[in-house]
Structures are given as C-alpha cells and as structure tokens.
Protein backbone atom coordinates (compact mmCIF):
# COMPACT_ATOMS: atom_id res chain seq x y z
CA MET A 1 75.69 96.26 69.05
CA SER A 2 77.60 98.99 70.86
CA SER A 3 77.21 102.58 69.63
CA HIS A 4 80.42 103.66 71.37
CA LEU A 5 83.11 104.76 68.99
CA ILE A 6 86.08 103.10 70.70
CA SER A 7 84.54 99.65 70.93
CA LYS A 8 86.35 97.42 68.43
CA SER A 9 87.89 100.46 66.70
CA ALA A 10 91.34 99.96 68.19
CA ALA A 11 93.53 96.95 68.95
CA ILE A 12 96.50 96.01 71.10
CA VAL A 13 99.10 94.61 68.72
CA GLY A 14 102.33 94.42 70.72
CA LEU A 15 103.56 94.01 74.29
CA GLY A 16 106.92 94.65 75.89
CA ALA A 17 108.31 94.44 79.42
CA THR A 18 111.58 94.50 81.29
CA GLU A 19 112.37 92.28 84.24
CA PHE A 20 110.98 93.40 87.62
CA SER A 21 113.63 93.76 90.30
CA LYS A 22 114.71 95.50 93.48
CA ASN A 23 117.44 97.39 91.63
CA SER A 24 117.32 97.69 87.86
CA GLY A 25 120.73 99.38 87.65
CA ARG A 26 119.56 101.70 84.88
CA THR A 27 117.52 104.84 84.41
CA GLU A 28 113.76 104.89 84.10
CA LEU A 29 114.16 106.38 80.62
CA ARG A 30 116.21 103.38 79.52
CA LEU A 31 113.67 101.00 81.06
CA ALA A 32 110.88 102.76 79.16
CA LEU A 33 112.78 102.51 75.89
CA GLU A 34 113.55 98.83 76.41
CA ALA A 35 109.89 98.03 76.99
CA THR A 36 108.71 100.25 74.13
CA LEU A 37 111.18 98.82 71.61
CA ALA A 38 110.24 95.30 72.69
CA ALA A 39 106.55 96.10 72.17
CA LEU A 40 107.19 97.61 68.73
CA ASP A 41 109.27 94.60 67.73
CA ASP A 42 106.52 92.30 69.01
CA ALA A 43 104.05 94.14 66.77
CA GLY A 44 106.37 94.43 63.77
CA ILE A 45 106.09 98.24 63.70
CA ASP A 46 109.00 100.57 62.99
CA PRO A 47 109.61 103.15 65.76
CA SER A 48 109.31 105.98 63.23
CA GLU A 49 105.61 105.15 62.82
CA VAL A 50 104.75 106.06 66.43
CA ASP A 51 102.66 109.22 66.58
CA GLY A 52 101.09 109.01 70.06
CA PHE A 53 101.93 108.31 73.70
CA SER A 54 99.98 107.80 76.91
CA SER A 55 101.45 107.38 80.40
CA TYR A 56 101.20 108.58 84.05
CA THR A 57 101.82 111.87 85.84
CA VAL A 58 103.44 110.12 88.81
CA ASP A 59 106.17 108.75 86.56
CA LYS A 60 109.18 110.78 85.44
CA VAL A 61 109.63 109.62 81.84
CA PRO A 62 108.46 112.39 79.46
CA GLU A 63 106.90 111.40 76.17
CA TYR A 64 108.91 113.97 74.22
CA GLU A 65 112.17 112.29 75.21
CA ILE A 66 110.85 108.85 74.33
CA ALA A 67 109.75 110.29 70.97
CA ARG A 68 113.17 111.83 70.32
CA LEU A 69 115.08 108.68 71.16
CA LEU A 70 112.72 106.48 69.14
CA GLY A 71 113.07 108.72 66.11
CA ALA A 72 109.33 109.41 65.99
CA LYS A 73 108.74 112.02 63.27
CA ASN A 74 105.39 113.69 63.88
CA VAL A 75 103.70 113.05 67.22
CA SER A 76 100.08 114.23 67.19
CA PHE A 77 98.82 112.92 70.53
CA PHE A 78 100.14 112.57 74.08
CA SER A 79 98.46 112.32 77.47
CA GLN A 80 99.38 111.63 81.09
CA ILE A 81 96.92 110.17 83.60
CA PRO A 82 96.95 111.21 87.26
CA HIS A 83 97.29 108.69 90.10
CA GLY A 84 98.92 105.25 90.16
CA GLY A 85 97.54 101.73 90.10
CA GLY A 86 93.94 102.88 90.06
CA ALA A 87 94.59 104.65 86.76
CA ALA A 88 96.05 101.61 85.02
CA CYS A 89 93.29 101.28 82.39
CA ALA A 90 92.97 104.99 81.61
CA PRO A 91 96.04 105.24 79.32
CA VAL A 92 94.50 102.41 77.29
CA LEU A 93 91.25 104.40 77.09
CA HIS A 94 93.07 107.54 75.92
CA ALA A 95 95.07 105.64 73.32
CA ALA A 96 91.95 103.88 72.01
CA MET A 97 90.12 107.23 71.77
CA ALA A 98 93.02 108.77 69.86
CA VAL A 99 93.09 105.91 67.37
CA ALA A 100 89.30 105.65 67.03
CA THR A 101 88.96 109.37 66.28
CA GLY A 102 91.89 109.49 63.87
CA ILE A 103 93.97 111.79 66.06
CA ALA A 104 96.80 109.24 66.04
CA LYS A 105 97.53 105.98 64.25
CA THR A 106 100.08 104.21 66.44
CA VAL A 107 100.08 104.93 70.18
CA VAL A 108 102.53 103.66 72.79
CA VAL A 109 101.05 103.13 76.24
CA TYR A 110 103.92 102.82 78.69
CA ARG A 111 104.98 102.92 82.31
CA ALA A 112 108.53 102.93 83.67
CA MET A 113 109.61 103.42 87.26
CA ASN A 114 112.41 102.54 89.65
CA GLU A 115 109.87 102.22 92.42
CA ARG A 116 112.19 100.21 94.61
CA SER A 117 115.69 101.62 94.15
CA TRP A 118 114.73 105.28 93.56
CA TYR A 119 111.37 105.81 95.30
CA ARG A 120 109.56 104.04 98.10
CA PHE A 121 105.89 104.91 98.33
CA GLY A 122 105.76 102.88 101.51
CA SER A 123 108.36 105.05 103.24
CA GLY A 124 105.87 107.65 104.50
CA SER A 125 108.25 110.50 103.60
CA TYR A 126 107.01 112.46 100.61
CA GLY A 127 108.10 116.06 101.19
CA PHE A 128 104.51 117.29 101.21
CA ALA A 129 105.30 120.24 103.47
CA SER A 130 107.69 121.75 100.94
CA THR A 131 105.15 121.50 98.10
CA PRO A 132 101.83 122.78 99.49
CA ILE A 133 99.66 122.07 96.46
CA PHE A 134 96.09 120.97 97.09
CA GLU A 135 96.68 117.22 97.09
CA ASN A 136 99.56 117.49 99.55
CA VAL A 137 97.74 119.86 101.89
CA ASN A 138 94.82 117.44 101.87
CA TYR A 139 97.01 114.77 103.47
CA GLY A 140 97.68 117.24 106.30
CA TRP A 141 94.32 116.20 107.74
CA TYR A 142 95.45 112.57 108.04
CA MET A 143 99.20 112.42 108.61
CA PRO A 144 99.10 113.94 112.15
CA HIS A 145 97.02 110.90 113.11
CA GLY A 146 99.55 108.40 111.76
CA PHE A 147 98.18 107.95 108.23
CA HIS A 148 101.54 108.16 106.46
CA THR A 149 101.56 105.29 103.99
CA PRO A 150 99.29 103.57 101.45
CA ALA A 151 98.93 100.65 103.86
CA SER A 152 97.55 102.94 106.57
CA TRP A 153 95.20 104.72 104.16
CA VAL A 154 93.80 101.44 102.85
CA GLY A 155 93.84 99.93 106.34
CA MET A 156 91.10 102.36 107.41
CA PHE A 157 88.77 101.01 104.72
CA ALA A 158 89.75 97.41 105.44
CA GLN A 159 89.00 97.81 109.15
CA ARG A 160 85.56 99.22 108.44
CA TYR A 161 84.83 96.52 105.87
CA MET A 162 85.70 93.82 108.40
CA HIS A 163 83.50 95.46 111.05
CA THR A 164 80.51 95.73 108.71
CA TYR A 165 80.69 92.43 106.85
CA GLY A 166 82.54 90.12 109.22
CA ALA A 167 85.51 89.58 106.92
CA THR A 168 88.73 88.28 108.44
CA SER A 169 92.46 88.58 107.86
CA GLU A 170 92.31 85.10 106.35
CA ASP A 171 89.83 86.38 103.75
CA PHE A 172 92.31 89.06 102.73
CA GLY A 173 95.02 86.41 102.76
CA ARG A 174 93.23 84.31 100.16
CA VAL A 175 93.36 87.28 97.80
CA SER A 176 97.10 87.68 98.41
CA VAL A 177 97.73 83.98 97.77
CA ALA A 178 95.80 84.11 94.48
CA VAL A 179 97.54 87.24 93.25
CA ARG A 180 100.97 85.88 94.17
CA ASP A 181 100.18 82.71 92.20
CA PHE A 182 100.05 84.82 89.03
CA ALA A 183 103.37 86.52 89.79
CA ALA A 184 104.96 83.15 90.45
CA THR A 185 104.27 82.09 86.84
CA ASN A 186 105.97 85.13 85.25
CA PRO A 187 109.69 84.53 84.52
CA ALA A 188 110.31 88.30 84.62
CA ALA A 189 108.71 88.75 88.05
CA PHE A 190 110.70 89.22 91.23
CA PHE A 191 108.67 86.45 92.87
CA TYR A 192 108.92 83.98 89.97
CA ASN A 193 108.45 80.44 91.29
CA LYS A 194 107.84 81.84 94.79
CA PRO A 195 104.15 81.31 95.65
CA ILE A 196 102.91 81.84 99.19
CA THR A 197 100.53 79.90 101.40
CA LEU A 198 97.72 81.16 103.58
CA GLU A 199 99.74 80.10 106.62
CA GLU A 200 102.68 82.25 105.48
CA HIS A 201 100.32 85.16 105.01
CA GLN A 202 98.92 84.75 108.51
CA ASN A 203 102.41 84.56 110.00
CA SER A 204 103.68 87.68 108.22
CA LYS A 205 104.12 90.77 110.38
CA TRP A 206 101.56 93.51 110.83
CA ILE A 207 102.19 96.62 108.72
CA CYS A 208 99.05 98.52 109.70
CA GLU A 209 96.28 96.47 111.24
CA PRO A 210 94.36 94.80 109.74
CA LEU A 211 96.91 94.57 106.92
CA ARG A 212 99.95 92.30 107.09
CA LEU A 213 103.19 92.40 105.11
CA LEU A 214 101.83 89.91 102.57
CA ASP A 215 98.72 92.03 102.03
CA CYS A 216 101.00 94.76 100.64
CA CYS A 217 102.35 94.98 97.12
CA GLN A 218 106.01 94.54 96.23
CA GLU A 219 107.67 97.81 95.23
CA SER A 220 109.64 97.01 92.09
CA ASP A 221 111.80 98.53 89.38
CA GLY A 222 110.62 97.87 85.84
CA ALA A 223 108.77 99.00 82.75
CA VAL A 224 105.94 97.82 80.52
CA ALA A 225 104.58 99.02 77.18
CA MET A 226 101.87 98.17 74.67
CA ILE A 227 101.15 99.32 71.14
CA ILE A 228 97.61 100.35 70.17
CA THR A 229 96.61 100.94 66.57
CA SER A 230 93.57 100.76 64.32
CA VAL A 231 91.73 97.54 63.59
CA ASP A 232 92.57 97.86 59.88
CA ARG A 233 96.29 98.34 60.55
CA ALA A 234 96.28 95.46 63.01
CA LYS A 235 95.34 92.97 60.28
CA ASP A 236 98.76 93.34 58.63
CA LEU A 237 100.95 92.96 61.71
CA LYS A 238 102.89 90.07 63.28
CA GLN A 239 100.62 89.20 66.18
CA LYS A 240 96.98 88.27 66.40
CA PRO A 241 95.39 91.53 67.62
CA VAL A 242 93.46 91.95 70.85
CA TYR A 243 90.47 94.18 70.09
CA ILE A 244 89.56 96.75 72.72
CA LYS A 245 85.85 96.38 73.49
CA GLY A 246 85.77 98.94 76.28
CA ALA A 247 87.82 101.14 78.60
CA ALA A 248 86.71 103.59 81.27
CA GLN A 249 87.54 106.11 83.98
CA GLY A 250 85.37 107.17 86.90
CA ILE A 251 85.07 109.56 89.84
CA SER A 252 82.16 109.07 92.23
CA ASP A 253 80.68 111.39 94.83
CA GLY A 254 83.12 112.27 97.58
CA GLN A 255 86.11 110.49 96.08
CA GLN A 256 89.66 111.52 97.03
CA ILE A 257 93.03 109.90 96.41
CA MET A 258 92.99 106.82 98.68
CA THR A 259 91.37 108.80 101.51
CA SER A 260 87.66 109.07 100.71
CA TYR A 261 86.88 109.06 104.41
CA PHE A 262 84.09 111.66 104.35
CA ARG A 263 81.62 109.44 102.55
CA ASP A 264 78.66 108.09 104.49
CA ASP A 265 79.92 104.57 103.77
CA ILE A 266 83.61 103.69 103.40
CA THR A 267 83.17 99.94 102.98
CA GLY A 268 83.15 100.06 99.17
CA LEU A 269 84.41 101.77 96.03
CA PRO A 270 81.36 103.18 94.20
CA GLU A 271 83.57 104.44 91.37
CA MET A 272 84.18 100.81 90.46
CA GLY A 273 80.47 100.45 89.77
CA LEU A 274 80.56 103.57 87.61
CA VAL A 275 83.43 102.14 85.59
CA ALA A 276 81.71 98.76 85.27
CA LYS A 277 78.54 100.32 83.86
CA GLN A 278 80.56 102.11 81.20
CA LEU A 279 82.40 98.94 80.24
CA TYR A 280 79.22 96.91 79.95
CA ALA A 281 77.57 99.62 77.82
CA GLN A 282 80.58 99.99 75.52
CA SER A 283 81.27 96.31 75.03
CA GLY A 284 77.75 94.94 74.87
CA LEU A 285 78.86 92.39 77.47
CA GLY A 286 77.42 91.86 80.95
CA PRO A 287 78.41 90.19 84.23
CA LYS A 288 77.32 86.80 82.83
C-alpha cells in the first residue's frame, strides 16, 4: 500500500474541451471558460464551488479572471507550471496535492491557447533579444547556429539517437502514424478521420533533418479542462470518478528547456526515469 498522501486521495470527476482548429475565432479566455464550464457540467458541480486553479505559465489566461467570470467565491489555491507539453501532468499533481492536503476542495486544471492563429512556436521568431531574461539569453548559445525552432532543438537529440542506436526515419514515422491514429478518432480534433500512412510520413518534406513535417505536432487553437476533487466528494457526482494514483515532476542533472546539450549523453531523457520511479512508488504499480 502506498504511503504517499496524494495516491487515491483525489479524483478526476469532469472533463471539458473545445474543438481544435486553425482559427478558433474567439479569445483564449473564452476558450478557457467554455472548457471549464463543460467540465463542471460534466461533473455536476456548480461554478461557485470552485476554490482552486492550476495551469501553465506559457499561457495567457489568468486564474483570477477565470475565477471572476465563473463567480467563484473564495479561491484558496492557484498555481502555474513552467514549460509546455513536458509539464502536462504537473498541474494534475498540484491539484491533487491541494485536494489531498485540504488546501482546496474543487480544483480546475485547464489550458487554453490560440497556438495557431495567435502564436506559432514553430516560427523561430520569439523576441528573445528584447527580453534578456536567463532563459532567453540561454538560447543565444544555439540560435546563431540555426537552432531557432522546437524541431531543430529536438532534431539534435534525434540525430544522435539514430547515430548511437541505428534508428531510422521510418522508426520515427511509426510513432507519428500511431499518434495520428488517436487524433483521427476524436471528433473535436483538426485531423478527425484523417489518419496517415508510413508512406505519407516518408514522403513529407524535411523540416530539420532527421525530422520531417509529419514528425512535428500540429499547432492548434483550443482549450481543455478537468475538475479534481476529493474521493469523498466524488462519490456524489454525476460521473464515475477516475482516482489519481500518482503524479510527478522531475529535473535531472544537466537538464535545460529542450536544449540539454551539455550532458555526457544526449540520446535519452533521464528525467523521465526520475518521474517513472515516483509514479511507481506512489501508485504501488510497476512496469508489469
């Protein structure tokens, strides 16, 4: 039995999402509210009961404005997690900790972004020079050599991985095909009913060798939200709860944002192992 406080102390009781598109035609705040209200309705919880929020620093939807528009009365917890996709599980961890410790009772975990029509992370133009904070200055070591986009940053690791382990572009392509299969089953996804084949992957143009267009993620507008509350509260709600057995964050030796190039070995992500160990310990589950 796990001795970790968050394991099975909190539950996901509602989910909400907007459509995912190239141009939502509405503000990120509205997208966030749509997803949050849908999640609350899914759970059967009144918006006035919300007393916690967890989201991302890279997004531009402040929790205080969501709280005001929802009519939340007394918010006792809010957090924002740095980074992007790699941080996806951390807001769940923070929400579960808040509920497990009694800091909050009903926490909204949300993300909303017009990542296609308003921002393009793949553009390579971020205005770093005008905001010389540490993270931006750090990229000054890489950008003069052509490392301007996420594809180029990841491409360095991919190239080394292929050199060391003999992987091929087709191997990467099989991952893309599998991931796209999931998107193709989601009616709200931009690529609904649009799977790809390995041949299509191999024929897609190079973005930054060894990565092709269909190795890269679609930049989309949209929002998602989930409601996390206590196990006891979850018993009285509309949906069958999903109990949180574990959640984790991790930073390993030498890690930087997408550019951990100064490690002795750049073929792997040791922080993933750190996170896995935490999850196994919390949940009482193992790889089998």
